[in-house]
Amino acid sequence: LQLVAVMLSVVVESNMFTFNAAISACEKGEEWEKALQLVGGLARSMAELDTITYNAVISACQKGCAWEQALLLSSVMANSSCEWDMITFGVAISASEKGQKWEDALHTFNSMVLKRIQFNNISFNATISA
């Protein structure tokens, strides 16, 4: 995050790749609040978030036990032009599981099947656990 701040202060060109890398670093460092701050900065700059960005920030929230924020972002993504992929579905199902929202987990899993997105054992087991 400090690197992104430095880049912005010295007018180094930042792009979605830079922000996605920073958000992914936040996810791996369990810094979901900072990931949300970065996404907020992107939204204010009028940049359109892509699937990778959504996946990274939703995953950061889910891993940080901020399942409510993860589900909210999943809803925002569903209303955007971004396509959900196996990662998106898996993280949304896992967030539903952590929040004990079995109806949401089942609905998301059903959507995944209807869209013919290949699911894995993690998505399947998280749906059952919810």
Protein backbone atom coordinates (compact mmCIF):
# COMPACT_ATOMS: atom_id res chain seq x y z
CA LEU A 1 0.00 0.00 0.00
CA GLN A 2 2.85 2.33 0.71
CA LEU A 3 4.19 1.62 -2.75
CA VAL A 4 0.85 2.56 -4.33
CA ALA A 5 0.77 5.78 -2.29
CA VAL A 6 4.32 6.63 -3.39
CA MET A 7 3.45 5.89 -7.02
CA LEU A 8 0.48 8.20 -6.87
CA SER A 9 2.45 10.97 -5.16
CA VAL A 10 5.26 10.95 -7.74
CA VAL A 11 2.91 10.64 -10.69
CA VAL A 12 3.97 7.16 -11.68
CA GLU A 13 1.30 5.80 -13.97
CA SER A 14 -0.90 3.40 -12.08
CA ASN A 15 -3.30 1.06 -13.80
CA MET A 16 -5.66 -1.78 -12.97
CA PHE A 17 -2.76 -4.21 -12.85
CA THR A 18 -1.07 -2.12 -10.16
CA PHE A 19 -4.24 -1.80 -8.10
CA ASN A 20 -5.14 -5.46 -8.51
CA ALA A 21 -1.67 -6.45 -7.30
CA ALA A 22 -2.01 -4.17 -4.28
CA ILE A 23 -5.49 -5.52 -3.47
CA SER A 24 -4.22 -9.09 -3.81
CA ALA A 25 -1.38 -8.24 -1.42
CA CYS A 26 -3.98 -6.94 1.03
CA GLU A 27 -5.89 -10.20 0.67
CA LYS A 28 -2.81 -12.29 1.38
CA GLY A 29 -1.92 -10.04 4.32
CA GLU A 30 -5.46 -10.26 5.71
CA GLU A 31 -5.87 -6.49 5.40
CA TRP A 32 -9.44 -6.37 4.12
CA GLU A 33 -9.99 -2.78 5.31
CA LYS A 34 -7.06 -1.58 3.20
CA ALA A 35 -8.35 -3.56 0.22
CA LEU A 36 -11.67 -1.74 0.58
CA GLN A 37 -9.83 1.60 0.74
CA LEU A 38 -8.04 0.82 -2.51
CA VAL A 39 -11.29 -0.15 -4.21
CA GLY A 40 -12.87 3.05 -2.91
CA GLY A 41 -10.02 5.00 -4.46
CA LEU A 42 -10.54 3.22 -7.76
CA ALA A 43 -14.27 3.96 -7.67
CA ARG A 44 -13.59 7.65 -6.98
CA SER A 45 -11.17 7.79 -9.90
CA MET A 46 -14.02 6.58 -12.12
CA ALA A 47 -12.09 3.45 -13.07
CA GLU A 48 -14.37 0.52 -13.80
CA LEU A 49 -13.61 -2.45 -11.60
CA ASP A 50 -12.92 -5.74 -13.34
CA THR A 51 -13.54 -9.34 -12.30
CA ILE A 52 -10.02 -9.71 -10.90
CA THR A 53 -10.47 -6.63 -8.72
CA TYR A 54 -13.82 -7.80 -7.39
CA ASN A 55 -12.49 -11.31 -6.74
CA ALA A 56 -9.50 -10.00 -4.82
CA VAL A 57 -11.44 -7.60 -2.60
CA ILE A 58 -14.31 -10.04 -1.98
CA SER A 59 -11.75 -12.70 -1.06
CA ALA A 60 -9.91 -10.27 1.23
CA CYS A 61 -13.16 -9.54 3.06
CA GLN A 62 -14.15 -13.20 3.23
CA LYS A 63 -10.74 -14.24 4.59
CA GLY A 64 -10.82 -11.36 7.06
CA CYS A 65 -14.15 -12.58 8.48
CA ALA A 66 -15.88 -9.53 7.02
CA TRP A 67 -18.46 -11.74 5.34
CA GLU A 68 -21.11 -8.99 5.30
CA GLN A 69 -18.84 -6.77 3.20
CA ALA A 70 -17.97 -9.74 0.97
CA LEU A 71 -21.66 -10.43 0.32
CA LEU A 72 -22.35 -6.74 -0.28
CA LEU A 73 -19.53 -6.55 -2.82
CA SER A 74 -20.81 -9.73 -4.46
CA SER A 75 -24.17 -8.02 -4.85
CA VAL A 76 -22.53 -4.89 -6.29
CA MET A 77 -20.57 -7.05 -8.73
CA ALA A 78 -23.76 -8.86 -9.79
CA ASN A 79 -25.21 -5.49 -10.78
CA SER A 80 -22.10 -4.47 -12.73
CA SER A 81 -20.94 -5.47 -16.19
CA CYS A 82 -18.38 -7.92 -14.76
CA GLU A 83 -18.81 -11.62 -15.35
CA TRP A 84 -18.62 -13.97 -12.40
CA ASP A 85 -16.13 -16.81 -12.69
CA MET A 86 -15.37 -19.91 -10.61
CA ILE A 87 -13.37 -17.80 -8.15
CA THR A 88 -16.19 -15.29 -7.68
CA PHE A 89 -18.75 -17.99 -7.04
CA GLY A 90 -16.44 -19.85 -4.67
CA VAL A 91 -15.62 -16.79 -2.59
CA ALA A 92 -19.28 -15.70 -2.44
CA ILE A 93 -20.30 -19.19 -1.30
CA SER A 94 -17.53 -19.21 1.34
CA ALA A 95 -18.64 -15.79 2.61
CA SER A 96 -22.22 -17.08 2.84
CA GLU A 97 -20.94 -20.07 4.79
CA LYS A 98 -19.05 -17.88 7.27
CA GLY A 99 -22.15 -15.74 7.74
CA GLN A 100 -24.32 -18.82 8.18
CA LYS A 101 -26.42 -17.68 5.22
CA TRP A 102 -27.26 -21.09 3.80
CA GLU A 103 -29.98 -19.71 1.53
CA ASP A 104 -27.48 -17.36 -0.10
CA ALA A 105 -24.91 -20.15 -0.44
CA LEU A 106 -27.44 -22.45 -2.07
CA HIS A 107 -28.72 -19.70 -4.40
CA THR A 108 -25.16 -18.84 -5.44
CA PHE A 109 -24.30 -22.50 -6.01
CA ASN A 110 -27.46 -22.96 -8.12
CA SER A 111 -26.53 -19.89 -10.17
CA MET A 112 -23.11 -21.38 -10.71
CA VAL A 113 -24.62 -24.62 -12.00
CA LEU A 114 -27.12 -22.79 -14.24
CA LYS A 115 -24.33 -20.71 -15.79
CA ARG A 116 -22.39 -23.92 -16.36
CA ILE A 117 -19.44 -22.66 -14.33
CA GLN A 118 -17.31 -25.60 -13.28
CA PHE A 119 -17.37 -25.97 -9.51
CA ASN A 120 -14.79 -27.58 -7.30
CA ASN A 121 -14.89 -29.44 -3.99
CA ILE A 122 -14.35 -26.22 -2.06
CA SER A 123 -17.50 -24.60 -3.49
CA PHE A 124 -19.48 -27.80 -3.07
CA ASN A 125 -18.32 -28.37 0.53
CA ALA A 126 -18.83 -24.73 1.51
CA THR A 127 -22.40 -24.89 0.21
CA ILE A 128 -23.08 -28.01 2.25
CA SER A 129 -21.41 -26.50 5.36
CA ALA A 130 -23.50 -23.35 5.15
